[in-house]
Amino acid sequence: ATVQSDAIPVYVHAFPSRIGPRAEPVRDGPK
């Protein structure tokens, strides 16, 4: 019999974002 699982593992995923590289603070931060 198939039953619902009471234990579910979760992972972190990394992806390339359209935002691209950023420097913070945005206005007065590094160029």
Full PDB file with SEQRES, HELIX, SHEET, SSBOND, CRYST1, ORIGX, SCALE, CONECT and MASTER records, all heavy atoms in Angstrom:
SEQRES   1 A   31  ALA THR VAL GLN SER ASP ALA ILE PRO VAL TYR VAL HIS          
SEQRES   2 A   31  ALA PHE PRO SER ARG ILE GLY PRO ARG ALA GLU PRO VAL          
SEQRES   3 A   31  ARG ASP GLY PRO LYS                                          
CRYST1    1.000    1.000    1.000  90.00  90.00  90.00 P 1           1          
ORIGX1      1.000000  0.000000  0.000000        0.00000                         
ORIGX2      0.000000  1.000000  0.000000        0.00000                         
ORIGX3      0.000000  0.000000  1.000000        0.00000                         
SCALE1      1.000000  0.000000  0.000000        0.00000                         
SCALE2      0.000000  1.000000  0.000000        0.00000                         
SCALE3      0.000000  0.000000  1.000000        0.00000                         
ATOM      1  N   ALA A   1       0.852  -1.191   0.000  1.00  0.00           N  
ATOM      2  CA  ALA A   1       0.000   0.000   0.000  1.00  0.00           C  
ATOM      3  C   ALA A   1       0.888   1.241   0.000  1.00  0.00           C  
ATOM      4  O   ALA A   1       1.955   1.262   0.626  1.00  0.00           O  
ATOM      5  CB  ALA A   1      -0.920  -0.007   1.211  1.00  0.00           C  
ATOM      6  N   THR A   2       0.422   2.248  -0.721  1.00  0.00           N  
ATOM      7  CA  THR A   2       1.138   3.527  -0.765  1.00  0.00           C  
ATOM      8  C   THR A   2       0.472   4.504   0.187  1.00  0.00           C  
ATOM      9  O   THR A   2      -0.757   4.682   0.156  1.00  0.00           O  
ATOM     10  CB  THR A   2       1.131   4.100  -2.194  1.00  0.00           C  
ATOM     11  OG1 THR A   2       1.753   3.162  -3.067  1.00  0.00           O  
ATOM     12  CG2 THR A   2       1.885   5.413  -2.253  1.00  0.00           C  
ATOM     13  N   VAL A   3       1.275   5.126   1.036  1.00  0.00           N  
ATOM     14  CA  VAL A   3       0.758   6.047   2.045  1.00  0.00           C  
ATOM     15  C   VAL A   3       1.505   7.371   1.947  1.00  0.00           C  
ATOM     16  O   VAL A   3       2.570   7.462   1.349  1.00  0.00           O  
ATOM     17  CB  VAL A   3       0.909   5.463   3.466  1.00  0.00           C  
ATOM     18  CG1 VAL A   3       0.094   4.186   3.598  1.00  0.00           C  
ATOM     19  CG2 VAL A   3       2.381   5.210   3.777  1.00  0.00           C  
ATOM     20  N   GLN A   4       0.934   8.388   2.531  1.00  0.00           N  
ATOM     21  CA  GLN A   4       1.604   9.676   2.586  1.00  0.00           C  
ATOM     22  C   GLN A   4       2.820   9.594   3.482  1.00  0.00           C  
ATOM     23  O   GLN A   4       2.813   8.918   4.508  1.00  0.00           O  
ATOM     24  CB  GLN A   4       0.647  10.744   3.114  1.00  0.00           C  
ATOM     25  CG  GLN A   4      -0.537  11.027   2.205  1.00  0.00           C  
ATOM     26  CD  GLN A   4      -1.460  12.076   2.791  1.00  0.00           C  
ATOM     27  OE1 GLN A   4      -1.290  12.488   3.932  1.00  0.00           O  
ATOM     28  NE2 GLN A   4      -2.433  12.504   2.010  1.00  0.00           N  
ATOM     29  N   SER A   5       3.875  10.315   3.088  1.00  0.00           N  
ATOM     30  CA  SER A   5       5.103  10.307   3.876  1.00  0.00           C  
ATOM     31  C   SER A   5       5.050  11.383   4.944  1.00  0.00           C  
ATOM     32  O   SER A   5       4.610  12.518   4.688  1.00  0.00           O  
ATOM     33  CB  SER A   5       6.310  10.542   2.964  1.00  0.00           C  
ATOM     34  OG  SER A   5       7.495  10.638   3.722  1.00  0.00           O  
ATOM     35  N   ASP A   6       5.492  11.028   6.127  1.00  0.00           N  
ATOM     36  CA  ASP A   6       5.573  12.001   7.224  1.00  0.00           C  
ATOM     37  C   ASP A   6       6.929  12.693   7.284  1.00  0.00           C  
ATOM     38  O   ASP A   6       7.153  13.545   8.144  1.00  0.00           O  
ATOM     39  CB  ASP A   6       5.321  11.305   8.557  1.00  0.00           C  
ATOM     40  CG  ASP A   6       3.868  10.890   8.709  1.00  0.00           C  
ATOM     41  OD1 ASP A   6       2.997  11.573   8.149  1.00  0.00           O  
ATOM     42  OD2 ASP A   6       3.621   9.867   9.375  1.00  0.00           O  
ATOM     43  N   ALA A   7       7.848  12.305   6.399  1.00  0.00           N  
ATOM     44  CA  ALA A   7       9.199  12.873   6.408  1.00  0.00           C  
ATOM     45  C   ALA A   7       9.592  13.228   4.973  1.00  0.00           C  
ATOM     46  O   ALA A   7       9.623  12.352   4.107  1.00  0.00           O  
ATOM     47  CB  ALA A   7      10.192  11.897   7.011  1.00  0.00           C  
ATOM     48  N   ILE A   8       9.875  14.490   4.752  1.00  0.00           N  
ATOM     49  CA  ILE A   8      10.210  14.969   3.404  1.00  0.00           C  
ATOM     50  C   ILE A   8      11.494  15.791   3.468  1.00  0.00           C  
ATOM     51  O   ILE A   8      11.542  16.824   4.149  1.00  0.00           O  
ATOM     52  CB  ILE A   8       9.071  15.829   2.829  1.00  0.00           C  
ATOM     53  CG1 ILE A   8       7.788  14.996   2.722  1.00  0.00           C  
ATOM     54  CG2 ILE A   8       9.457  16.388   1.468  1.00  0.00           C  
ATOM     55  CD1 ILE A   8       6.580  15.788   2.286  1.00  0.00           C  
ATOM     56  N   PRO A   9      12.549  15.383   2.785  1.00  0.00           N  
ATOM     57  CA  PRO A   9      13.788  16.169   2.778  1.00  0.00           C  
ATOM     58  C   PRO A   9      13.665  17.375   1.851  1.00  0.00           C  
ATOM     59  O   PRO A   9      12.980  17.333   0.819  1.00  0.00           O  
ATOM     60  CB  PRO A   9      14.829  15.178   2.250  1.00  0.00           C  
ATOM     61  CG  PRO A   9      14.039  14.215   1.417  1.00  0.00           C  
ATOM     62  CD  PRO A   9      12.679  14.118   2.040  1.00  0.00           C  
ATOM     63  N   VAL A  10      14.353  18.442   2.211  1.00  0.00           N  
ATOM     64  CA  VAL A  10      14.347  19.689   1.432  1.00  0.00           C  
ATOM     65  C   VAL A  10      15.789  20.072   1.137  1.00  0.00           C  
ATOM     66  O   VAL A  10      16.663  19.978   2.002  1.00  0.00           O  
ATOM     67  CB  VAL A  10      13.640  20.825   2.200  1.00  0.00           C  
ATOM     68  CG1 VAL A  10      13.690  22.115   1.407  1.00  0.00           C  
ATOM     69  CG2 VAL A  10      12.193  20.441   2.496  1.00  0.00           C  
ATOM     70  N   TYR A  11      16.029  20.515  -0.110  1.00  0.00           N  
ATOM     71  CA  TYR A  11      17.366  20.930  -0.533  1.00  0.00           C  
ATOM     72  C   TYR A  11      17.367  22.387  -0.962  1.00  0.00           C  
ATOM     73  O   TYR A  11      16.343  22.937  -1.394  1.00  0.00           O  
ATOM     74  CB  TYR A  11      17.859  20.077  -1.703  1.00  0.00           C  
ATOM     75  CG  TYR A  11      18.473  18.757  -1.298  1.00  0.00           C  
ATOM     76  CD1 TYR A  11      17.765  17.569  -1.447  1.00  0.00           C  
ATOM     77  CD2 TYR A  11      19.761  18.702  -0.782  1.00  0.00           C  
ATOM     78  CE1 TYR A  11      18.329  16.351  -1.088  1.00  0.00           C  
ATOM     79  CE2 TYR A  11      20.336  17.491  -0.421  1.00  0.00           C  
ATOM     80  CZ  TYR A  11      19.615  16.323  -0.575  1.00  0.00           C  
ATOM     81  OH  TYR A  11      20.182  15.135  -0.207  1.00  0.00           O  
ATOM     82  N   VAL A  12      18.548  22.994  -0.864  1.00  0.00           N  
ATOM     83  CA  VAL A  12      18.788  24.315  -1.444  1.00  0.00           C  
ATOM     84  C   VAL A  12      19.207  24.131  -2.902  1.00  0.00           C  
ATOM     85  O   VAL A  12      19.959  23.216  -3.226  1.00  0.00           O  
ATOM     86  CB  VAL A  12      19.893  25.067  -0.671  1.00  0.00           C  
ATOM     87  CG1 VAL A  12      20.213  26.396  -1.344  1.00  0.00           C  
ATOM     88  CG2 VAL A  12      19.466  25.288   0.771  1.00  0.00           C  
ATOM     89  N   HIS A  13      18.716  24.996  -3.777  1.00  0.00           N  
ATOM     90  CA  HIS A  13      19.070  24.975  -5.194  1.00  0.00           C  
ATOM     91  C   HIS A  13      19.666  26.330  -5.577  1.00  0.00           C  
ATOM     92  O   HIS A  13      19.162  27.372  -5.160  1.00  0.00           O  
ATOM     93  CB  HIS A  13      17.844  24.701  -6.065  1.00  0.00           C  
ATOM     94  CG  HIS A  13      17.270  23.331  -5.885  1.00  0.00           C  
ATOM     95  ND1 HIS A  13      17.342  22.356  -6.853  1.00  0.00           N  
ATOM     96  CD2 HIS A  13      16.613  22.762  -4.836  1.00  0.00           C  
ATOM     97  CE1 HIS A  13      16.755  21.256  -6.420  1.00  0.00           C  
ATOM     98  NE2 HIS A  13      16.303  21.483  -5.190  1.00  0.00           N  
ATOM     99  N   ALA A  14      20.730  26.302  -6.373  1.00  0.00           N  
ATOM    100  CA  ALA A  14      21.370  27.521  -6.868  1.00  0.00           C  
ATOM    101  C   ALA A  14      21.110  27.639  -8.364  1.00  0.00           C  
ATOM    102  O   ALA A  14      21.201  26.656  -9.097  1.00  0.00           O  
ATOM    103  CB  ALA A  14      22.873  27.501  -6.594  1.00  0.00           C  
ATOM    104  N   PHE A  15      20.804  28.862  -8.818  1.00  0.00           N  
ATOM    105  CA  PHE A  15      20.513  29.077 -10.227  1.00  0.00           C  
ATOM    106  C   PHE A  15      21.058  30.437 -10.662  1.00  0.00           C  
ATOM    107  O   PHE A  15      21.169  31.359  -9.844  1.00  0.00           O  
ATOM    108  CB  PHE A  15      19.001  29.022 -10.479  1.00  0.00           C  
ATOM    109  CG  PHE A  15      18.236  30.169  -9.847  1.00  0.00           C  
ATOM    110  CD1 PHE A  15      17.908  31.306 -10.570  1.00  0.00           C  
ATOM    111  CD2 PHE A  15      17.854  30.110  -8.510  1.00  0.00           C  
ATOM    112  CE1 PHE A  15      17.222  32.359  -9.985  1.00  0.00           C  
ATOM    113  CE2 PHE A  15      17.165  31.162  -7.911  1.00  0.00           C  
ATOM    114  CZ  PHE A  15      16.852  32.285  -8.657  1.00  0.00           C  
ATOM    115  N   PRO A  16      21.417  30.592 -11.941  1.00  0.00           N  
ATOM    116  CA  PRO A  16      21.865  31.898 -12.434  1.00  0.00           C  
ATOM    117  C   PRO A  16      20.673  32.823 -12.641  1.00  0.00           C  
ATOM    118  O   PRO A  16      19.739  32.502 -13.381  1.00  0.00           O  
ATOM    119  CB  PRO A  16      22.563  31.554 -13.761  1.00  0.00           C  
ATOM    120  CG  PRO A  16      21.901  30.295 -14.215  1.00  0.00           C  
ATOM    121  CD  PRO A  16      21.521  29.543 -12.976  1.00  0.00           C  
ATOM    122  N   SER A  17      20.715  33.963 -12.004  1.00  0.00           N  
ATOM    123  CA  SER A  17      19.584  34.880 -12.028  1.00  0.00           C  
ATOM    124  C   SER A  17      19.744  35.935 -13.112  1.00  0.00           C  
ATOM    125  O   SER A  17      20.855  36.365 -13.435  1.00  0.00           O  
ATOM    126  CB  SER A  17      19.444  35.569 -10.665  1.00  0.00           C  
ATOM    127  OG  SER A  17      18.513  36.625 -10.725  1.00  0.00           O  
ATOM    128  N   ARG A  18      18.612  36.364 -13.652  1.00  0.00           N  
ATOM    129  CA  ARG A  18      18.622  37.448 -14.636  1.00  0.00           C  
ATOM    130  C   ARG A  18      19.069  38.766 -14.017  1.00  0.00           C  
ATOM    131  O   ARG A  18      19.467  39.689 -14.725  1.00  0.00           O  
ATOM    132  CB  ARG A  18      17.233  37.621 -15.256  1.00  0.00           C  
ATOM    133  CG  ARG A  18      16.805  36.474 -16.148  1.00  0.00           C  
ATOM    134  CD  ARG A  18      15.599  36.844 -16.981  1.00  0.00           C  
ATOM    135  NE  ARG A  18      14.443  37.177 -16.179  1.00  0.00           N  
ATOM    136  CZ  ARG A  18      13.506  36.300 -15.809  1.00  0.00           C  
ATOM    137  NH1 ARG A  18      13.619  35.031 -16.175  1.00  0.00           N  
ATOM    138  NH2 ARG A  18      12.472  36.681 -15.090  1.00  0.00           N  
ATOM    139  N   ILE A  19      18.989  38.864 -12.706  1.00  0.00           N  
ATOM    140  CA  ILE A  19      19.413  40.104 -12.039  1.00  0.00           C  
ATOM    141  C   ILE A  19      20.893  40.344 -12.262  1.00  0.00           C  
ATOM    142  O   ILE A  19      21.343  41.478 -12.403  1.00  0.00           O  
ATOM    143  CB  ILE A  19      19.095  40.030 -10.535  1.00  0.00           C  
ATOM    144  CG1 ILE A  19      17.585  39.922 -10.323  1.00  0.00           C  
ATOM    145  CG2 ILE A  19      19.644  41.248  -9.807  1.00  0.00           C  
ATOM    146  CD1 ILE A  19      17.204  39.739  -8.869  1.00  0.00           C  
ATOM    147  N   GLY A  20      21.684  39.277 -12.315  1.00  0.00           N  
ATOM    148  CA  GLY A  20      23.112  39.415 -12.569  1.00  0.00           C  
ATOM    149  C   GLY A  20      23.876  39.864 -11.339  1.00  0.00           C  
ATOM    150  O   GLY A  20      23.333  39.971 -10.231  1.00  0.00           O  
ATOM    151  N   PRO A  21      25.164  40.162 -11.501  1.00  0.00           N  
ATOM    152  CA  PRO A  21      25.988  40.598 -10.369  1.00  0.00           C  
ATOM    153  C   PRO A  21      25.468  41.913  -9.780  1.00  0.00           C  
ATOM    154  O   PRO A  21      24.966  42.782 -10.511  1.00  0.00           O  
ATOM    155  CB  PRO A  21      27.379  40.780 -10.982  1.00  0.00           C  
ATOM    156  CG  PRO A  21      27.339  39.995 -12.251  1.00  0.00           C  
ATOM    157  CD  PRO A  21      25.941  40.046 -12.742  1.00  0.00           C  
ATOM    158  N   ARG A  22      25.617  42.067  -8.487  1.00  0.00           N  
ATOM    159  CA  ARG A  22      25.164  43.267  -7.799  1.00  0.00           C  
ATOM    160  C   ARG A  22      26.179  43.671  -6.738  1.00  0.00           C  
ATOM    161  O   ARG A  22      26.853  42.827  -6.161  1.00  0.00           O  
ATOM    162  CB  ARG A  22      23.819  43.029  -7.108  1.00  0.00           C  
ATOM    163  CG  ARG A  22      22.619  43.039  -8.054  1.00  0.00           C  
ATOM    164  CD  ARG A  22      22.348  44.451  -8.555  1.00  0.00           C  
ATOM    165  NE  ARG A  22      21.190  44.488  -9.434  1.00  0.00           N  
ATOM    166  CZ  ARG A  22      19.944  44.706  -9.021  1.00  0.00           C  
ATOM    167  NH1 ARG A  22      19.701  44.867  -7.742  1.00  0.00           N  
ATOM    168  NH2 ARG A  22      18.964  44.753  -9.873  1.00  0.00           N  
ATOM    169  N   ALA A  23      26.244  44.964  -6.499  1.00  0.00           N  
ATOM    170  CA  ALA A  23      27.050  45.498  -5.404  1.00  0.00           C  
ATOM    171  C   ALA A  23      26.107  46.183  -4.420  1.00  0.00           C  
ATOM    172  O   ALA A  23      25.135  46.834  -4.828  1.00  0.00           O  
ATOM    173  CB  ALA A  23      28.101  46.481  -5.913  1.00  0.00           C  
ATOM    174  N   GLU A  24      26.367  46.037  -3.145  1.00  0.00           N  
ATOM    175  CA  GLU A  24      25.534  46.634  -2.103  1.00  0.00           C  
ATOM    176  C   GLU A  24      26.393  47.448  -1.154  1.00  0.00           C  
ATOM    177  O   GLU A  24      27.519  47.029  -0.851  1.00  0.00           O  
ATOM    178  CB  GLU A  24      24.801  45.527  -1.321  1.00  0.00           C  
ATOM    179  CG  GLU A  24      23.867  44.698  -2.173  1.00  0.00           C  
ATOM    180  CD  GLU A  24      23.252  43.530  -1.403  1.00  0.00           C  
ATOM    181  OE1 GLU A  24      23.755  43.233  -0.287  1.00  0.00           O  
ATOM    182  OE2 GLU A  24      22.301  42.933  -1.899  1.00  0.00           O  
ATOM    183  N   PRO A  25      25.886  48.575  -0.683  1.00  0.00           N  
ATOM    184  CA  PRO A  25      24.605  49.210  -0.989  1.00  0.00           C  
ATOM    185  C   PRO A  25      24.512  49.616  -2.465  1.00  0.00           C  
ATOM    186  O   PRO A  25      25.522  49.925  -3.097  1.00  0.00           O  
ATOM    187  CB  PRO A  25      24.577  50.448  -0.078  1.00  0.00           C  
ATOM    188  CG  PRO A  25      25.615  50.193   0.969  1.00  0.00           C  
ATOM    189  CD  PRO A  25      26.654  49.354   0.313  1.00  0.00           C  
ATOM    190  N   VAL A  26      23.294  49.645  -2.976  1.00  0.00           N  
ATOM    191  CA  VAL A  26      23.090  49.858  -4.405  1.00  0.00           C  
ATOM    192  C   VAL A  26      23.532  51.255  -4.815  1.00  0.00           C  
ATOM    193  O   VAL A  26      24.203  51.434  -5.831  1.00  0.00           O  
ATOM    194  CB  VAL A  26      21.611  49.620  -4.764  1.00  0.00           C  
ATOM    195  CG1 VAL A  26      21.370  49.954  -6.227  1.00  0.00           C  
ATOM    196  CG2 VAL A  26      21.231  48.177  -4.477  1.00  0.00           C  
ATOM    197  N   ARG A  27      23.205  52.276  -4.044  1.00  0.00           N  
ATOM    198  CA  ARG A  27      23.501  53.655  -4.458  1.00  0.00           C  
ATOM    199  C   ARG A  27      24.924  54.075  -4.116  1.00  0.00           C  
ATOM    200  O   ARG A  27      25.640  54.614  -4.949  1.00  0.00           O  
ATOM    201  CB  ARG A  27      22.498  54.613  -3.805  1.00  0.00           C  
ATOM    202  CG  ARG A  27      21.082  54.453  -4.334  1.00  0.00           C  
ATOM    203  CD  ARG A  27      20.169  55.504  -3.731  1.00  0.00           C  
ATOM    204  NE  ARG A  27      18.807  55.398  -4.253  1.00  0.00           N  
ATOM    205  CZ  ARG A  27      17.812  56.186  -3.865  1.00  0.00           C  
ATOM    206  NH1 ARG A  27      18.022  57.133  -2.943  1.00  0.00           N  
ATOM    207  NH2 ARG A  27      16.604  56.027  -4.379  1.00  0.00           N  
ATOM    208  N   ASP A  28      25.309  53.847  -2.882  1.00  0.00           N  
ATOM    209  CA  ASP A  28      26.601  54.339  -2.414  1.00  0.00           C  
ATOM    210  C   ASP A  28      27.633  53.238  -2.256  1.00  0.00           C  
ATOM    211  O   ASP A  28      28.679  53.457  -1.646  1.00  0.00           O  
ATOM    212  CB  ASP A  28      26.427  55.070  -1.073  1.00  0.00           C  
ATOM    213  CG  ASP A  28      25.444  56.222  -1.163  1.00  0.00           C  
ATOM    214  OD1 ASP A  28      25.425  56.869  -2.219  1.00  0.00           O  
ATOM    215  OD2 ASP A  28      24.706  56.445  -0.195  1.00  0.00           O  
ATOM    216  N   GLY A  29      27.358  52.067  -2.792  1.00  0.00           N  
ATOM    217  CA  GLY A  29      28.258  50.944  -2.610  1.00  0.00           C  
ATOM    218  C   GLY A  29      29.339  50.871  -3.670  1.00  0.00           C  
ATOM    219  O   GLY A  29      29.562  51.825  -4.430  1.00  0.00           O  
ATOM    220  N   PRO A  30      30.037  49.761  -3.749  1.00  0.00           N  
ATOM    221  CA  PRO A  30      31.115  49.600  -4.722  1.00  0.00           C  
ATOM    222  C   PRO A  30      30.583  49.693  -6.155  1.00  0.00           C  
ATOM    223  O   PRO A  30      29.414  49.413  -6.427  1.00  0.00           O  
ATOM    224  CB  PRO A  30      31.648  48.185  -4.428  1.00  0.00           C  
ATOM    225  CG  PRO A  30      31.155  47.860  -3.059  1.00  0.00           C  
ATOM    226  CD  PRO A  30      29.866  48.575  -2.897  1.00  0.00           C  
ATOM    227  N   LYS A  31      31.475  50.062  -7.050  1.00  0.00           N  
ATOM    228  CA  LYS A  31      31.146  50.131  -8.468  1.00  0.00           C  
ATOM    229  C   LYS A  31      31.658  48.866  -9.151  1.00  0.00           C  
ATOM    230  O   LYS A  31      32.832  48.540  -9.070  1.00  0.00           O  
ATOM    231  CB  LYS A  31      31.782  51.362  -9.109  1.00  0.00           C  
ATOM    232  CG  LYS A  31      31.539  51.465 -10.615  1.00  0.00           C  
ATOM    233  CD  LYS A  31      32.260  52.657 -11.200  1.00  0.00           C  
ATOM    234  CE  LYS A  31      32.065  52.722 -12.715  1.00  0.00           C  
ATOM    235  NZ  LYS A  31      32.806  53.863 -13.319  1.00  0.00           N  
TER     236      LYS A  31                                                      
MASTER        0    0    0    0    0    0    0    6  235    1    0    3          
END                                                                             
